[in-house]
N, C-alpha and C. Protein backbone atom coordinates (compact mmCIF):
# COMPACT_ATOMS: atom_id res chain seq x y z
N MET A 1 65.42 34.52 42.06
CA MET A 1 66.55 35.64 42.19
C MET A 1 67.81 34.86 42.85
N ASP A 2 69.04 35.02 41.58
CA ASP A 2 69.92 34.61 41.82
C ASP A 2 71.41 35.64 42.29
N GLU A 3 72.67 35.49 42.47
CA GLU A 3 73.37 36.46 42.89
C GLU A 3 73.34 38.33 42.08
N ARG A 4 73.76 37.44 40.81
CA ARG A 4 73.68 38.89 39.93
C ARG A 4 72.78 39.65 39.69
N ASP A 5 71.76 39.14 39.74
CA ASP A 5 70.24 40.13 40.06
C ASP A 5 70.54 40.47 40.80
N LEU A 6 70.42 39.64 42.45
CA LEU A 6 70.36 40.65 43.76
C LEU A 6 71.54 41.78 43.65
N VAL A 7 73.01 41.71 42.92
CA VAL A 7 73.83 42.59 43.06
C VAL A 7 73.20 44.39 42.23
N LEU A 8 72.41 43.65 41.08
CA LEU A 8 72.23 44.78 40.38
C LEU A 8 71.08 45.58 41.01
N TYR A 9 70.15 45.02 41.81
CA TYR A 9 69.42 45.68 42.31
C TYR A 9 70.22 45.81 43.68
N LEU A 10 70.85 46.31 44.40
CA LEU A 10 71.43 46.72 45.24
C LEU A 10 72.14 47.83 44.79
N LEU A 11 72.53 47.73 43.78
CA LEU A 11 73.89 48.84 43.15
C LEU A 11 73.43 49.56 42.38
N THR A 12 72.12 49.56 41.46
CA THR A 12 71.57 50.69 41.11
C THR A 12 71.23 51.53 41.65
N PRO A 13 70.45 51.26 43.09
CA PRO A 13 69.99 52.60 44.05
C PRO A 13 71.36 53.63 44.36
N VAL A 14 72.30 52.84 44.64
CA VAL A 14 73.06 53.09 45.14
C VAL A 14 73.88 54.53 44.47
N ALA A 15 73.90 53.65 43.23
CA ALA A 15 74.52 54.21 41.96
C ALA A 15 73.79 55.25 41.62
N GLN A 16 72.72 55.55 41.64
CA GLN A 16 72.23 56.67 41.95
C GLN A 16 72.09 57.94 42.91
N VAL A 17 72.16 57.10 43.86
CA VAL A 17 72.17 58.35 44.99
C VAL A 17 73.36 59.54 45.18
N ALA A 18 74.71 58.11 44.75
CA ALA A 18 75.57 58.54 44.68
C ALA A 18 75.74 59.56 43.82
N LEU A 19 74.89 59.64 42.02
CA LEU A 19 75.30 60.12 41.28
C LEU A 19 74.19 61.69 41.30
N ILE A 20 73.31 61.56 42.09
CA ILE A 20 72.81 62.78 42.48
C ILE A 20 73.54 63.58 43.62
N ILE A 21 73.90 62.88 43.96
CA ILE A 21 74.75 63.54 45.16
C ILE A 21 75.21 64.30 45.05
N GLY A 22 76.13 63.80 43.70
CA GLY A 22 77.50 64.60 43.04
C GLY A 22 77.16 65.58 42.34
N ILE A 23 75.66 65.34 41.31
CA ILE A 23 75.60 66.76 40.48
C ILE A 23 74.95 67.67 42.20
N ALA A 24 74.36 67.16 42.44
CA ALA A 24 73.95 68.57 43.68
C ALA A 24 75.01 69.28 44.29
N GLU A 25 75.72 68.73 44.39
CA GLU A 25 77.06 69.43 44.76
C GLU A 25 77.62 70.30 43.98
N ILE A 26 78.02 69.93 42.48
CA ILE A 26 78.28 70.81 41.37
C ILE A 26 77.27 72.06 41.27
N VAL A 27 75.91 71.73 41.81
CA VAL A 27 75.00 72.67 41.73
C VAL A 27 74.87 73.74 42.34
N LYS A 28 75.29 72.94 43.70
CA LYS A 28 75.62 74.11 44.75
C LYS A 28 76.77 74.55 44.42
N LYS A 29 78.01 74.52 44.45
CA LYS A 29 79.72 74.93 43.75
C LYS A 29 78.85 76.45 42.62
N LEU A 30 77.71 75.26 41.48
CA LEU A 30 77.90 77.02 40.55
C LEU A 30 77.03 78.21 41.37
N GLY A 31 76.31 77.99 42.63
CA GLY A 31 75.57 79.15 43.01
C GLY A 31 74.28 78.54 43.57
N LEU A 32 73.63 78.18 43.36
CA LEU A 32 72.34 77.51 43.65
C LEU A 32 72.69 77.40 45.59
N PRO A 33 71.80 78.02 46.25
CA PRO A 33 71.34 78.57 47.50
C PRO A 33 71.20 76.80 48.27
N THR A 34 71.90 76.72 48.87
CA THR A 34 71.71 75.52 50.36
C THR A 34 70.28 74.86 50.44
N ARG A 35 69.73 75.87 50.73
CA ARG A 35 68.06 75.56 51.09
C ARG A 35 67.42 75.32 49.90
N TYR A 36 67.61 75.48 48.20
CA TYR A 36 67.36 74.82 47.75
C TYR A 36 67.61 73.23 47.14
N ILE A 37 69.21 73.08 47.70
CA ILE A 37 69.52 71.20 47.22
C ILE A 37 68.77 70.60 47.05
N PRO A 38 67.27 70.49 48.41
CA PRO A 38 66.83 69.19 48.24
C PRO A 38 66.14 69.30 47.54
N LEU A 39 65.40 70.43 46.91
CA LEU A 39 64.72 70.28 46.09
C LEU A 39 65.26 69.80 44.41
N VAL A 40 66.47 70.09 44.44
CA VAL A 40 67.34 69.72 43.49
C VAL A 40 67.14 68.08 43.16
N ASP A 41 67.85 67.68 44.52
CA ASP A 41 68.23 65.97 45.00
C ASP A 41 66.81 65.25 44.69
N LEU A 42 65.34 65.73 45.23
CA LEU A 42 64.20 65.07 44.55
C LEU A 42 64.35 65.52 42.84
N GLY A 43 64.30 66.43 42.32
CA GLY A 43 63.82 66.13 41.12
C GLY A 43 64.88 65.66 40.23
N LEU A 44 66.11 65.01 40.52
CA LEU A 44 66.95 64.15 40.21
C LEU A 44 66.91 62.84 40.27
N GLY A 45 66.32 62.69 41.65
CA GLY A 45 65.51 61.19 42.17
C GLY A 45 64.36 61.04 41.20
N LEU A 46 63.63 62.14 40.87
CA LEU A 46 62.13 61.31 39.99
C LEU A 46 62.68 61.22 38.59
N ILE A 47 63.57 62.17 37.92
CA ILE A 47 64.21 61.85 36.26
C ILE A 47 64.84 60.44 36.74
N SER A 48 65.82 60.49 37.60
CA SER A 48 66.61 58.79 37.78
C SER A 48 65.42 58.05 37.50
N GLY A 49 64.44 58.19 38.82
CA GLY A 49 63.71 56.95 39.39
C GLY A 49 63.21 56.20 37.64
N ILE A 50 62.49 57.55 36.84
CA ILE A 50 61.60 57.42 35.71
C ILE A 50 62.62 56.51 34.67
N CYS A 51 63.87 57.64 34.48
CA CYS A 51 64.58 56.70 33.36
C CYS A 51 64.88 55.21 33.38
N VAL A 52 65.54 55.45 34.87
CA VAL A 52 66.05 53.67 35.24
C VAL A 52 64.58 52.98 35.31
N TYR A 53 63.97 53.38 35.88
CA TYR A 53 62.77 51.76 36.43
C TYR A 53 62.17 51.88 35.12
N VAL A 54 61.03 52.92 34.71
CA VAL A 54 60.32 52.92 34.17
C VAL A 54 60.22 52.47 32.39
N LEU A 55 62.09 53.64 31.68
CA LEU A 55 62.05 53.78 31.10
C LEU A 55 62.69 51.86 30.28
N SER A 56 63.71 51.46 31.05
CA SER A 56 64.45 50.79 30.57
C SER A 56 64.51 49.79 31.53
N LYS A 57 63.65 49.44 32.68
CA LYS A 57 63.05 48.30 33.30
C LYS A 57 62.54 47.70 32.99
N GLY A 58 61.22 48.68 32.84
CA GLY A 58 59.96 48.69 32.65
C GLY A 58 59.48 48.37 33.33
N TYR A 59 58.91 49.33 34.57
CA TYR A 59 58.41 49.25 35.74
C TYR A 59 57.40 50.37 35.06
N ASP A 60 56.15 50.20 35.93
CA ASP A 60 55.26 51.06 35.76
C ASP A 60 55.93 52.26 36.52
N TRP A 61 54.42 53.97 35.73
CA TRP A 61 55.05 55.27 35.84
C TRP A 61 54.76 55.16 37.61
N VAL A 62 54.11 54.78 38.46
CA VAL A 62 53.56 54.56 39.84
C VAL A 62 54.86 54.00 40.60
N SER A 63 55.37 52.89 40.15
CA SER A 63 56.84 52.24 41.05
C SER A 63 58.03 53.54 40.92
N GLY A 64 58.44 53.50 38.85
CA GLY A 64 58.95 54.76 39.01
C GLY A 64 58.97 56.19 39.95
N VAL A 65 58.02 55.94 39.99
CA VAL A 65 58.15 57.68 40.71
C VAL A 65 58.52 57.91 42.22
N MET A 66 58.14 56.22 42.62
CA MET A 66 57.50 55.93 43.89
C MET A 66 59.39 56.07 44.12
N ILE A 67 59.87 54.84 43.81
CA ILE A 67 61.68 54.32 43.87
C ILE A 67 62.37 56.27 43.77
N GLY A 68 61.76 56.79 42.26
CA GLY A 68 62.84 57.99 42.48
C GLY A 68 62.51 59.16 43.58
N ILE A 69 61.49 59.38 44.17
CA ILE A 69 61.25 59.63 45.24
C ILE A 69 61.84 59.35 46.51
N ALA A 70 62.26 57.91 46.93
CA ALA A 70 63.07 57.67 47.39
C ALA A 70 64.44 57.74 47.24
N ILE A 71 64.72 57.62 46.21
CA ILE A 71 66.32 57.57 46.15
C ILE A 71 66.06 59.33 46.17
N GLY A 72 65.59 60.74 45.68
CA GLY A 72 65.81 61.53 46.29
C GLY A 72 66.42 62.37 47.12
N LEU A 73 64.88 61.44 48.47
CA LEU A 73 65.13 61.79 49.78
C LEU A 73 66.36 60.58 50.21
N SER A 74 66.85 60.13 49.77
CA SER A 74 68.09 59.68 50.36
C SER A 74 68.97 60.27 50.17
N ALA A 75 69.30 60.22 48.79
CA ALA A 75 70.41 61.84 48.12
C ALA A 75 69.88 62.54 48.98
N CYS A 76 69.19 63.45 49.68
CA CYS A 76 69.69 64.89 50.52
C CYS A 76 69.43 64.17 51.79
N GLY A 77 68.76 63.63 52.39
CA GLY A 77 68.16 62.78 54.08
C GLY A 77 67.14 63.83 54.41
N LEU A 78 66.30 63.20 54.32
CA LEU A 78 64.97 63.17 54.77
C LEU A 78 64.80 64.82 55.66
N PHE A 79 65.82 64.67 56.85
CA PHE A 79 65.38 65.38 57.93
C PHE A 79 66.19 66.93 57.51
N SER A 80 67.89 66.65 56.83
CA SER A 80 68.45 67.61 57.02
C SER A 80 67.93 68.43 55.62
N GLY A 81 66.70 67.60 54.92
CA GLY A 81 66.77 69.04 53.24
C GLY A 81 65.55 69.67 54.37
N ILE A 82 64.58 69.08 55.44
CA ILE A 82 63.36 69.86 55.75
C ILE A 82 63.83 70.91 56.14
N LYS A 83 65.18 70.86 56.92
CA LYS A 83 65.86 72.25 57.80
C LYS A 83 66.04 72.41 57.04
N ASN A 84 66.77 72.28 55.96
CA ASN A 84 67.15 73.62 55.02
C ASN A 84 66.41 74.07 54.83
N LEU A 85 65.41 73.83 53.80
CA LEU A 85 64.31 74.33 53.20
C LEU A 85 63.57 75.07 54.20
N THR A 86 63.44 74.84 55.72
CA THR A 86 62.56 75.86 56.48
C THR A 86 63.36 77.10 57.16
N GLU A 87 64.90 77.24 56.89
CA GLU A 87 65.40 77.23 57.69
C GLU A 87 65.55 78.75 56.40
N ARG A 88 66.08 79.85 57.35
CA ARG A 88 66.34 81.40 56.11
C ARG A 88 67.65 81.05 56.42
N GLU A 89 68.69 81.25 54.87
CA GLU A 89 70.45 81.48 55.29
C GLU A 89 70.43 83.07 55.28
N ILE A 90 71.88 83.69 55.76
CA ILE A 90 71.55 85.24 56.00
C ILE A 90 72.24 85.83 54.56
N ASP A 91 72.41 84.51 53.38
CA ASP A 91 72.33 85.30 52.07
C ASP A 91 71.55 85.11 51.37
N ASP A 92 70.29 84.66 51.82
CA ASP A 92 68.89 84.92 51.19
C ASP A 92 68.21 85.94 50.99
N GLU A 93 68.77 86.49 52.35
CA GLU A 93 67.87 88.01 53.07
C GLU A 93 68.10 89.11 52.00
């Protein structure tokens, strides 16, 4: 593995996480309650993992799904995501 490959392996997931965070912020501004944003992040992570790693880089499906889950959880933060899903907001009542 040369330096170019190393940079690509590091930058691709970082760019995916940044893109997912940006899209989730747009969805939140459009009116989706904050408690559902972790699900949006997870879904976008799965889509991103499958598109980038399975369809583009030729990884197997299981690897693409696992990487996508990791990217989605990284975008929302595992603990804050669980907190947002389990707590009820005043707006949701």
